[in-house]
Amino acid sequence: MDLKQLLLEQVEQEATLTRKAIDRVPDGHNDFKPHERSMALGHLAALVASMLGWIPLMVERDELNLDDPSSEIFKNKQATTKAELIQMLDDGIAGARRALAATNEEHLLTSWRFINGGRIVAEKPRYIMITDAVFSHLAHHRGQLTVYLRLNEASVPALYGPSADEMQ
C-alpha cells in the first residue's frame, strides 16, 4: 500500500469517528468550560469538526505561516449549531479526499513547515505532518470532546472501544 492510499483510508476512519462525536454535541452549550483554563465547548467542537480540513493545506501549500495575514483564513471558525459543525466536518472530509486523490507519493515525501512567531515550529515531510498534526492531534481533541459531552449530560459514543452509553 502506498502513502496516498494509507492516508485516504485513515481519513475515512477518522471521519467516521469524528462524526460520531460531533453528532453528540449539544446545541446551546458553546460557552461551557470544565475549567477556567479550558477552551470553550463551541471552540473545541469547531476545532474537531474542522481538523480534517487541514489536509488540503498540507498538500497544496508548502507552509502555514501564522505571521502572514493571508493565513487568517485558516484560523478556527466558530459554529453556533450542530448543523454548522457537521457542515464543517463534511467540507473538511471532502477537501481531504480531493487533495489526497490529486497528489502522489513523491509529493507527500516533500517537506512542509508550520511557522509562528517568526520561528519554525515544525518542519517534516507532509505525510508525517498529516499523521501527527491532523490524525493524532484530532484523536487528542476528540477525546477531550468526549469528556465535555459527558459533563454536559450528552451520551458518549463508542470510538476505539465500548462506551458506557452504548452498552447493550
N, C-alpha and C. Protein backbone atom coordinates (compact mmCIF):
# COMPACT_ATOMS: atom_id res chain seq x y z
N MET A 1 0.85 -1.18 0.00
CA MET A 1 0.00 0.00 0.00
C MET A 1 0.89 1.23 0.00
N ASP A 2 0.53 2.20 -0.80
CA ASP A 2 1.33 3.44 -0.82
C ASP A 2 0.80 4.44 0.20
N LEU A 3 1.57 5.50 0.41
CA LEU A 3 1.22 6.52 1.40
C LEU A 3 -0.13 7.16 1.12
N LYS A 4 -0.37 7.48 -0.13
CA LYS A 4 -1.62 8.14 -0.51
C LYS A 4 -2.82 7.28 -0.12
N GLN A 5 -2.77 5.99 -0.43
CA GLN A 5 -3.88 5.10 -0.10
C GLN A 5 -4.02 4.96 1.41
N LEU A 6 -2.91 4.86 2.11
CA LEU A 6 -2.94 4.76 3.57
C LEU A 6 -3.60 6.00 4.18
N LEU A 7 -3.22 7.18 3.71
CA LEU A 7 -3.79 8.42 4.23
C LEU A 7 -5.28 8.54 3.89
N LEU A 8 -5.66 8.13 2.69
CA LEU A 8 -7.08 8.17 2.31
C LEU A 8 -7.90 7.25 3.21
N GLU A 9 -7.38 6.06 3.51
CA GLU A 9 -8.09 5.15 4.40
C GLU A 9 -8.17 5.71 5.81
N GLN A 10 -7.12 6.38 6.25
CA GLN A 10 -7.13 6.98 7.58
C GLN A 10 -8.15 8.12 7.65
N VAL A 11 -8.27 8.90 6.57
CA VAL A 11 -9.29 9.96 6.53
C VAL A 11 -10.66 9.36 6.74
N GLU A 12 -10.95 8.24 6.09
CA GLU A 12 -12.27 7.62 6.22
C GLU A 12 -12.51 7.15 7.66
N GLN A 13 -11.50 6.55 8.28
CA GLN A 13 -11.66 6.10 9.67
C GLN A 13 -11.87 7.28 10.60
N GLU A 14 -11.05 8.32 10.45
CA GLU A 14 -11.16 9.50 11.32
C GLU A 14 -12.47 10.23 11.08
N ALA A 15 -12.94 10.25 9.85
CA ALA A 15 -14.21 10.91 9.54
C ALA A 15 -15.36 10.21 10.26
N THR A 16 -15.36 8.89 10.25
CA THR A 16 -16.42 8.13 10.92
C THR A 16 -16.41 8.40 12.43
N LEU A 17 -15.23 8.33 13.04
CA LEU A 17 -15.13 8.54 14.49
C LEU A 17 -15.49 9.98 14.86
N THR A 18 -15.03 10.92 14.06
CA THR A 18 -15.29 12.33 14.35
C THR A 18 -16.78 12.64 14.21
N ARG A 19 -17.42 12.07 13.20
CA ARG A 19 -18.86 12.30 13.02
C ARG A 19 -19.63 11.79 14.24
N LYS A 20 -19.24 10.63 14.77
CA LYS A 20 -19.91 10.09 15.96
C LYS A 20 -19.84 11.08 17.12
N ALA A 21 -18.69 11.71 17.31
CA ALA A 21 -18.53 12.66 18.41
C ALA A 21 -19.28 13.96 18.13
N ILE A 22 -19.16 14.48 16.93
CA ILE A 22 -19.81 15.75 16.59
C ILE A 22 -21.33 15.61 16.66
N ASP A 23 -21.85 14.45 16.27
CA ASP A 23 -23.30 14.22 16.33
C ASP A 23 -23.86 14.33 17.74
N ARG A 24 -23.02 14.21 18.75
CA ARG A 24 -23.48 14.24 20.14
C ARG A 24 -23.35 15.62 20.78
N VAL A 25 -22.73 16.57 20.09
CA VAL A 25 -22.52 17.90 20.68
C VAL A 25 -23.88 18.58 20.87
N PRO A 26 -24.20 18.95 22.10
CA PRO A 26 -25.49 19.59 22.35
C PRO A 26 -25.48 21.06 21.93
N ASP A 27 -26.54 21.47 21.25
CA ASP A 27 -26.69 22.89 20.91
C ASP A 27 -26.90 23.70 22.18
N GLY A 28 -26.47 24.94 22.15
CA GLY A 28 -26.72 25.85 23.27
C GLY A 28 -25.73 25.75 24.41
N HIS A 29 -24.65 25.01 24.24
CA HIS A 29 -23.66 24.85 25.31
C HIS A 29 -22.27 25.35 24.88
N ASN A 30 -22.22 26.19 23.87
CA ASN A 30 -20.93 26.62 23.32
C ASN A 30 -19.99 27.27 24.32
N ASP A 31 -20.53 27.93 25.31
CA ASP A 31 -19.69 28.64 26.28
C ASP A 31 -19.21 27.76 27.43
N PHE A 32 -19.67 26.52 27.50
CA PHE A 32 -19.29 25.64 28.60
C PHE A 32 -17.78 25.39 28.62
N LYS A 33 -17.19 25.51 29.82
CA LYS A 33 -15.78 25.20 30.06
C LYS A 33 -15.70 24.39 31.35
N PRO A 34 -15.03 23.23 31.33
CA PRO A 34 -14.92 22.47 32.56
C PRO A 34 -13.95 23.11 33.57
N HIS A 35 -13.14 24.02 33.10
CA HIS A 35 -12.17 24.71 33.95
C HIS A 35 -11.86 26.05 33.30
N GLU A 36 -11.47 27.02 34.10
CA GLU A 36 -11.21 28.37 33.55
C GLU A 36 -10.12 28.37 32.48
N ARG A 37 -9.17 27.44 32.55
CA ARG A 37 -8.10 27.40 31.53
C ARG A 37 -8.45 26.51 30.34
N SER A 38 -9.60 25.87 30.38
CA SER A 38 -10.04 25.01 29.28
C SER A 38 -10.62 25.86 28.16
N MET A 39 -10.58 25.32 26.95
CA MET A 39 -11.26 26.02 25.86
C MET A 39 -12.76 25.76 25.96
N ALA A 40 -13.53 26.65 25.41
CA ALA A 40 -14.98 26.51 25.44
C ALA A 40 -15.43 25.37 24.53
N LEU A 41 -16.53 24.74 24.88
CA LEU A 41 -17.06 23.63 24.11
C LEU A 41 -17.25 24.01 22.64
N GLY A 42 -17.79 25.18 22.37
CA GLY A 42 -18.01 25.59 20.98
C GLY A 42 -16.71 25.67 20.19
N HIS A 43 -15.68 26.19 20.82
CA HIS A 43 -14.37 26.29 20.15
C HIS A 43 -13.80 24.89 19.92
N LEU A 44 -13.85 24.04 20.94
CA LEU A 44 -13.32 22.68 20.82
C LEU A 44 -14.07 21.89 19.75
N ALA A 45 -15.39 21.96 19.76
CA ALA A 45 -16.18 21.22 18.77
C ALA A 45 -15.87 21.70 17.35
N ALA A 46 -15.72 23.00 17.16
CA ALA A 46 -15.38 23.53 15.84
C ALA A 46 -13.97 23.09 15.43
N LEU A 47 -13.06 23.05 16.37
CA LEU A 47 -11.71 22.58 16.07
C LEU A 47 -11.75 21.12 15.61
N VAL A 48 -12.44 20.28 16.35
CA VAL A 48 -12.55 18.86 16.00
C VAL A 48 -13.23 18.71 14.63
N ALA A 49 -14.29 19.45 14.40
CA ALA A 49 -15.03 19.35 13.14
C ALA A 49 -14.21 19.79 11.93
N SER A 50 -13.26 20.69 12.14
CA SER A 50 -12.53 21.27 11.01
C SER A 50 -11.15 20.67 10.75
N MET A 51 -10.65 19.83 11.63
CA MET A 51 -9.25 19.40 11.52
C MET A 51 -8.93 18.58 10.28
N LEU A 52 -9.84 17.76 9.80
CA LEU A 52 -9.56 17.03 8.55
C LEU A 52 -9.40 18.00 7.39
N GLY A 53 -9.98 19.18 7.52
CA GLY A 53 -9.82 20.22 6.50
C GLY A 53 -8.44 20.84 6.46
N TRP A 54 -7.56 20.47 7.39
CA TRP A 54 -6.17 20.94 7.34
C TRP A 54 -5.36 20.18 6.30
N ILE A 55 -5.83 19.01 5.89
CA ILE A 55 -5.07 18.20 4.95
C ILE A 55 -4.83 18.91 3.62
N PRO A 56 -5.84 19.54 3.01
CA PRO A 56 -5.55 20.26 1.76
C PRO A 56 -4.47 21.33 1.93
N LEU A 57 -4.47 22.00 3.05
CA LEU A 57 -3.44 23.00 3.34
C LEU A 57 -2.05 22.35 3.29
N MET A 58 -1.93 21.17 3.89
CA MET A 58 -0.63 20.50 3.96
C MET A 58 -0.23 19.88 2.63
N VAL A 59 -1.19 19.57 1.80
CA VAL A 59 -0.88 19.01 0.49
C VAL A 59 -0.62 20.12 -0.53
N GLU A 60 -1.42 21.16 -0.49
CA GLU A 60 -1.41 22.16 -1.55
C GLU A 60 -0.49 23.36 -1.31
N ARG A 61 -0.09 23.58 -0.07
CA ARG A 61 0.81 24.70 0.24
C ARG A 61 2.07 24.13 0.88
N ASP A 62 3.15 24.90 0.83
CA ASP A 62 4.41 24.43 1.40
C ASP A 62 4.56 24.77 2.87
N GLU A 63 3.71 25.67 3.37
CA GLU A 63 3.81 26.05 4.78
C GLU A 63 2.55 26.75 5.22
N LEU A 64 2.41 26.82 6.53
CA LEU A 64 1.42 27.69 7.16
C LEU A 64 2.21 28.63 8.04
N ASN A 65 2.20 29.89 7.69
CA ASN A 65 2.90 30.92 8.45
C ASN A 65 1.84 31.79 9.12
N LEU A 66 1.64 31.59 10.41
CA LEU A 66 0.59 32.34 11.11
C LEU A 66 0.91 33.83 11.23
N ASP A 67 2.15 34.21 10.93
CA ASP A 67 2.52 35.62 10.95
C ASP A 67 2.06 36.34 9.67
N ASP A 68 1.73 35.57 8.65
CA ASP A 68 1.31 36.12 7.37
C ASP A 68 -0.20 36.40 7.43
N PRO A 69 -0.62 37.66 7.17
CA PRO A 69 -2.05 37.99 7.23
C PRO A 69 -2.92 37.11 6.33
N SER A 70 -2.37 36.57 5.26
CA SER A 70 -3.17 35.71 4.37
C SER A 70 -3.54 34.39 5.04
N SER A 71 -2.90 34.07 6.15
CA SER A 71 -3.20 32.83 6.87
C SER A 71 -4.43 32.94 7.76
N GLU A 72 -5.02 34.12 7.87
CA GLU A 72 -6.22 34.31 8.69
C GLU A 72 -7.33 33.36 8.28
N ILE A 73 -7.39 33.02 6.98
CA ILE A 73 -8.46 32.15 6.51
C ILE A 73 -8.37 30.74 7.09
N PHE A 74 -7.22 30.38 7.65
CA PHE A 74 -7.04 29.05 8.21
C PHE A 74 -7.32 28.97 9.70
N LYS A 75 -7.64 30.10 10.32
CA LYS A 75 -7.92 30.10 11.75
C LYS A 75 -9.28 29.47 12.02
N ASN A 76 -9.40 28.84 13.17
CA ASN A 76 -10.62 28.15 13.56
C ASN A 76 -11.82 29.09 13.55
N LYS A 77 -12.90 28.65 12.93
CA LYS A 77 -14.13 29.44 12.88
C LYS A 77 -15.14 28.86 13.87
N GLN A 78 -15.89 29.72 14.48
CA GLN A 78 -16.90 29.31 15.47
C GLN A 78 -18.15 28.82 14.74
N ALA A 79 -18.76 27.81 15.29
CA ALA A 79 -20.06 27.33 14.81
C ALA A 79 -21.04 27.50 15.95
N THR A 80 -22.26 27.85 15.63
CA THR A 80 -23.25 28.06 16.69
C THR A 80 -24.22 26.90 16.82
N THR A 81 -24.27 26.03 15.81
CA THR A 81 -25.19 24.89 15.86
C THR A 81 -24.48 23.61 15.45
N LYS A 82 -25.09 22.49 15.82
CA LYS A 82 -24.56 21.19 15.41
C LYS A 82 -24.58 21.07 13.89
N ALA A 83 -25.59 21.61 13.25
CA ALA A 83 -25.67 21.57 11.79
C ALA A 83 -24.46 22.24 11.15
N GLU A 84 -24.03 23.36 11.72
CA GLU A 84 -22.83 24.05 11.21
C GLU A 84 -21.58 23.20 11.44
N LEU A 85 -21.51 22.54 12.59
CA LEU A 85 -20.37 21.66 12.87
C LEU A 85 -20.31 20.52 11.86
N ILE A 86 -21.46 19.93 11.57
CA ILE A 86 -21.50 18.82 10.61
C ILE A 86 -21.10 19.31 9.23
N GLN A 87 -21.51 20.51 8.86
CA GLN A 87 -21.12 21.07 7.56
C GLN A 87 -19.61 21.30 7.52
N MET A 88 -19.03 21.79 8.61
CA MET A 88 -17.58 21.98 8.68
C MET A 88 -16.86 20.64 8.50
N LEU A 89 -17.38 19.61 9.17
CA LEU A 89 -16.79 18.28 9.05
C LEU A 89 -16.91 17.77 7.62
N ASP A 90 -18.10 17.86 7.04
CA ASP A 90 -18.29 17.39 5.66
C ASP A 90 -17.39 18.12 4.68
N ASP A 91 -17.26 19.43 4.85
CA ASP A 91 -16.37 20.21 3.97
C ASP A 91 -14.92 19.76 4.13
N GLY A 92 -14.50 19.52 5.37
CA GLY A 92 -13.13 19.08 5.62
C GLY A 92 -12.84 17.71 5.03
N ILE A 93 -13.80 16.79 5.17
CA ILE A 93 -13.64 15.45 4.60
C ILE A 93 -13.52 15.54 3.09
N ALA A 94 -14.41 16.30 2.46
CA ALA A 94 -14.37 16.44 1.00
C ALA A 94 -13.05 17.04 0.54
N GLY A 95 -12.58 18.06 1.25
CA GLY A 95 -11.31 18.68 0.89
C GLY A 95 -10.14 17.73 1.05
N ALA A 96 -10.14 16.96 2.13
CA ALA A 96 -9.07 15.99 2.37
C ALA A 96 -9.06 14.93 1.28
N ARG A 97 -10.22 14.40 0.95
CA ARG A 97 -10.30 13.39 -0.11
C ARG A 97 -9.79 13.94 -1.43
N ARG A 98 -10.24 15.15 -1.77
CA ARG A 98 -9.85 15.77 -3.03
C ARG A 98 -8.34 16.00 -3.10
N ALA A 99 -7.78 16.58 -2.04
CA ALA A 99 -6.35 16.90 -2.03
C ALA A 99 -5.50 15.63 -2.09
N LEU A 100 -5.87 14.62 -1.33
CA LEU A 100 -5.08 13.38 -1.34
C LEU A 100 -5.22 12.64 -2.66
N ALA A 101 -6.42 12.65 -3.26
CA ALA A 101 -6.61 11.99 -4.56
C ALA A 101 -5.77 12.65 -5.64
N ALA A 102 -5.54 13.96 -5.51
CA ALA A 102 -4.82 14.70 -6.53
C ALA A 102 -3.31 14.70 -6.36
N THR A 103 -2.81 14.15 -5.27
CA THR A 103 -1.37 14.19 -5.02
C THR A 103 -0.73 12.84 -5.35
N ASN A 104 0.56 12.75 -5.09
CA ASN A 104 1.27 11.48 -5.30
C ASN A 104 2.27 11.26 -4.17
N GLU A 105 2.82 10.08 -4.12
CA GLU A 105 3.73 9.70 -3.04
C GLU A 105 4.96 10.62 -3.00
N GLU A 106 5.49 10.94 -4.15
CA GLU A 106 6.68 11.81 -4.19
C GLU A 106 6.40 13.14 -3.49
N HIS A 107 5.24 13.72 -3.76
CA HIS A 107 4.88 14.99 -3.14
C HIS A 107 4.68 14.84 -1.63
N LEU A 108 4.08 13.74 -1.21
CA LEU A 108 3.84 13.50 0.22
C LEU A 108 5.14 13.34 1.00
N LEU A 109 6.22 13.04 0.31
CA LEU A 109 7.54 12.91 0.95
C LEU A 109 8.26 14.24 1.08
N THR A 110 7.75 15.29 0.41
CA THR A 110 8.41 16.60 0.49
C THR A 110 8.06 17.31 1.79
N SER A 111 8.88 18.28 2.14
CA SER A 111 8.78 18.97 3.42
C SER A 111 7.62 19.97 3.46
N TRP A 112 7.05 20.10 4.66
CA TRP A 112 6.02 21.10 4.94
C TRP A 112 6.36 21.76 6.27
N ARG A 113 6.14 23.08 6.36
CA ARG A 113 6.51 23.85 7.55
C ARG A 113 5.32 24.53 8.20
N PHE A 114 5.41 24.62 9.52
CA PHE A 114 4.47 25.41 10.31
C PHE A 114 5.29 26.48 11.01
N ILE A 115 4.95 27.75 10.76
CA ILE A 115 5.70 28.89 11.29
C ILE A 115 4.77 29.74 12.14
N ASN A 116 5.28 30.14 13.31
CA ASN A 116 4.53 31.01 14.19
C ASN A 116 5.52 31.84 15.00
N GLY A 117 5.23 33.11 15.14
CA GLY A 117 6.10 33.98 15.93
C GLY A 117 7.49 34.11 15.34
N GLY A 118 7.60 34.00 14.03
CA GLY A 118 8.90 34.16 13.37
C GLY A 118 9.81 32.95 13.47
N ARG A 119 9.30 31.84 13.99
CA ARG A 119 10.15 30.64 14.08
C ARG A 119 9.43 29.43 13.50
N ILE A 120 10.20 28.50 13.03
CA ILE A 120 9.66 27.25 12.50
C ILE A 120 9.30 26.36 13.69
N VAL A 121 8.02 26.11 13.86
CA VAL A 121 7.52 25.27 14.95
C VAL A 121 7.72 23.80 14.59
N ALA A 122 7.46 23.47 13.33
CA ALA A 122 7.62 22.09 12.87
C ALA A 122 7.93 22.11 11.38
N GLU A 123 8.81 21.22 10.98
CA GLU A 123 9.10 21.03 9.56
C GLU A 123 9.44 19.55 9.36
N LYS A 124 8.55 18.89 8.64
CA LYS A 124 8.67 17.45 8.42
C LYS A 124 8.06 17.12 7.06
N PRO A 125 8.28 15.90 6.58
CA PRO A 125 7.59 15.50 5.35
C PRO A 125 6.08 15.60 5.53
N ARG A 126 5.40 15.95 4.46
CA ARG A 126 3.95 16.17 4.51
C ARG A 126 3.20 14.99 5.13
N TYR A 127 3.55 13.77 4.76
CA TYR A 127 2.80 12.62 5.27
C TYR A 127 2.94 12.51 6.79
N ILE A 128 4.09 12.88 7.34
CA ILE A 128 4.26 12.86 8.79
C ILE A 128 3.46 13.99 9.44
N MET A 129 3.47 15.16 8.82
CA MET A 129 2.68 16.27 9.36
C MET A 129 1.19 15.91 9.36
N ILE A 130 0.74 15.24 8.31
CA ILE A 130 -0.67 14.84 8.25
C ILE A 130 -0.98 13.83 9.35
N THR A 131 -0.11 12.84 9.53
CA THR A 131 -0.39 11.84 10.56
C THR A 131 -0.28 12.42 11.97
N ASP A 132 0.71 13.28 12.19
CA ASP A 132 0.91 13.85 13.52
C ASP A 132 -0.02 15.03 13.80
N ALA A 133 0.03 16.05 12.94
CA ALA A 133 -0.67 17.30 13.21
C ALA A 133 -2.16 17.25 12.87
N VAL A 134 -2.57 16.23 12.12
CA VAL A 134 -4.00 16.09 11.85
C VAL A 134 -4.55 14.88 12.60
N PHE A 135 -4.14 13.67 12.24
CA PHE A 135 -4.77 12.47 12.80
C PHE A 135 -4.53 12.32 14.30
N SER A 136 -3.29 12.41 14.74
CA SER A 136 -3.02 12.26 16.18
C SER A 136 -3.59 13.42 16.98
N HIS A 137 -3.45 14.62 16.45
CA HIS A 137 -3.97 15.82 17.09
C HIS A 137 -5.50 15.74 17.18
N LEU A 138 -6.12 15.25 16.12
CA LEU A 138 -7.57 15.09 16.10
C LEU A 138 -8.02 14.08 17.16
N ALA A 139 -7.32 12.96 17.27
CA ALA A 139 -7.68 11.96 18.29
C ALA A 139 -7.61 12.57 19.69
N HIS A 140 -6.59 13.37 19.92
CA HIS A 140 -6.43 14.04 21.22
C HIS A 140 -7.63 14.95 21.52
N HIS A 141 -7.96 15.84 20.59
CA HIS A 141 -9.05 16.78 20.84
C HIS A 141 -10.42 16.10 20.81
N ARG A 142 -10.56 15.05 20.02
CA ARG A 142 -11.82 14.30 20.02
C ARG A 142 -12.02 13.65 21.40
N GLY A 143 -10.93 13.16 21.99
CA GLY A 143 -11.01 12.62 23.34
C GLY A 143 -11.44 13.68 24.35
N GLN A 144 -10.86 14.87 24.22
CA GLN A 144 -11.30 15.97 25.09
C GLN A 144 -12.79 16.23 24.92
N LEU A 145 -13.22 16.22 23.67
CA LEU A 145 -14.63 16.49 23.38
C LEU A 145 -15.54 15.48 24.06
N THR A 146 -15.13 14.21 24.12
CA THR A 146 -15.98 13.22 24.78
C THR A 146 -16.13 13.51 26.27
N VAL A 147 -15.10 14.06 26.89
CA VAL A 147 -15.21 14.45 28.30
C VAL A 147 -16.23 15.59 28.43
N TYR A 148 -16.14 16.58 27.54
CA TYR A 148 -17.10 17.68 27.57
C TYR A 148 -18.53 17.16 27.36
N LEU A 149 -18.68 16.16 26.48
CA LEU A 149 -20.00 15.58 26.26
C LEU A 149 -20.55 15.00 27.57
N ARG A 150 -19.72 14.21 28.24
CA ARG A 150 -20.15 13.59 29.50
C ARG A 150 -20.55 14.67 30.51
N LEU A 151 -19.77 15.73 30.61
CA LEU A 151 -20.04 16.78 31.59
C LEU A 151 -21.29 17.59 31.25
N ASN A 152 -21.75 17.47 30.00
CA ASN A 152 -22.97 18.15 29.58
C ASN A 152 -24.14 17.20 29.42
N GLU A 153 -24.02 16.00 30.05
CA GLU A 153 -25.09 15.01 30.04
C GLU A 153 -25.45 14.51 28.65
N ALA A 154 -24.54 14.66 27.68
CA ALA A 154 -24.74 14.09 26.34
C ALA A 154 -24.13 12.69 26.35
N SER A 155 -24.67 11.80 25.55
CA SER A 155 -24.13 10.45 25.52
C SER A 155 -22.78 10.45 24.81
N VAL A 156 -21.91 9.58 25.29
CA VAL A 156 -20.55 9.48 24.75
C VAL A 156 -20.51 8.31 23.77
N PRO A 157 -20.08 8.56 22.53
CA PRO A 157 -20.05 7.48 21.55
C PRO A 157 -18.90 6.51 21.79
N ALA A 158 -19.09 5.27 21.37
CA ALA A 158 -18.00 4.30 21.36
C ALA A 158 -17.09 4.67 20.19
N LEU A 159 -15.83 4.92 20.48
CA LEU A 159 -14.89 5.30 19.42
C LEU A 159 -13.87 4.20 19.18
N TYR A 160 -13.01 3.95 20.15
CA TYR A 160 -11.97 2.92 20.00
C TYR A 160 -12.30 1.67 20.80
N GLY A 161 -13.41 1.67 21.44
CA GLY A 161 -13.87 0.55 22.25
C GLY A 161 -15.24 0.90 22.77
N PRO A 162 -15.76 0.09 23.65
CA PRO A 162 -17.12 0.31 24.15
C PRO A 162 -17.26 1.63 24.91
N SER A 163 -18.47 2.12 24.92
CA SER A 163 -18.85 3.28 25.72
C SER A 163 -19.97 2.85 26.65
N ALA A 164 -19.94 3.34 27.88
CA ALA A 164 -21.00 3.01 28.83
C ALA A 164 -22.36 3.42 28.31
N ASP A 165 -22.40 4.40 27.43
CA ASP A 165 -23.67 4.87 26.88
C ASP A 165 -24.18 4.02 25.73
N GLU A 166 -23.35 3.13 25.22
CA GLU A 166 -23.77 2.30 24.10
C GLU A 166 -23.67 0.81 24.43
N MET A 167 -23.58 0.49 25.71
CA MET A 167 -23.53 -0.92 26.13
C MET A 167 -24.92 -1.53 25.98
N GLN A 168 -24.99 -2.73 25.52
CA GLN A 168 -26.28 -3.42 25.35
C GLN A 168 -26.52 -4.36 26.49
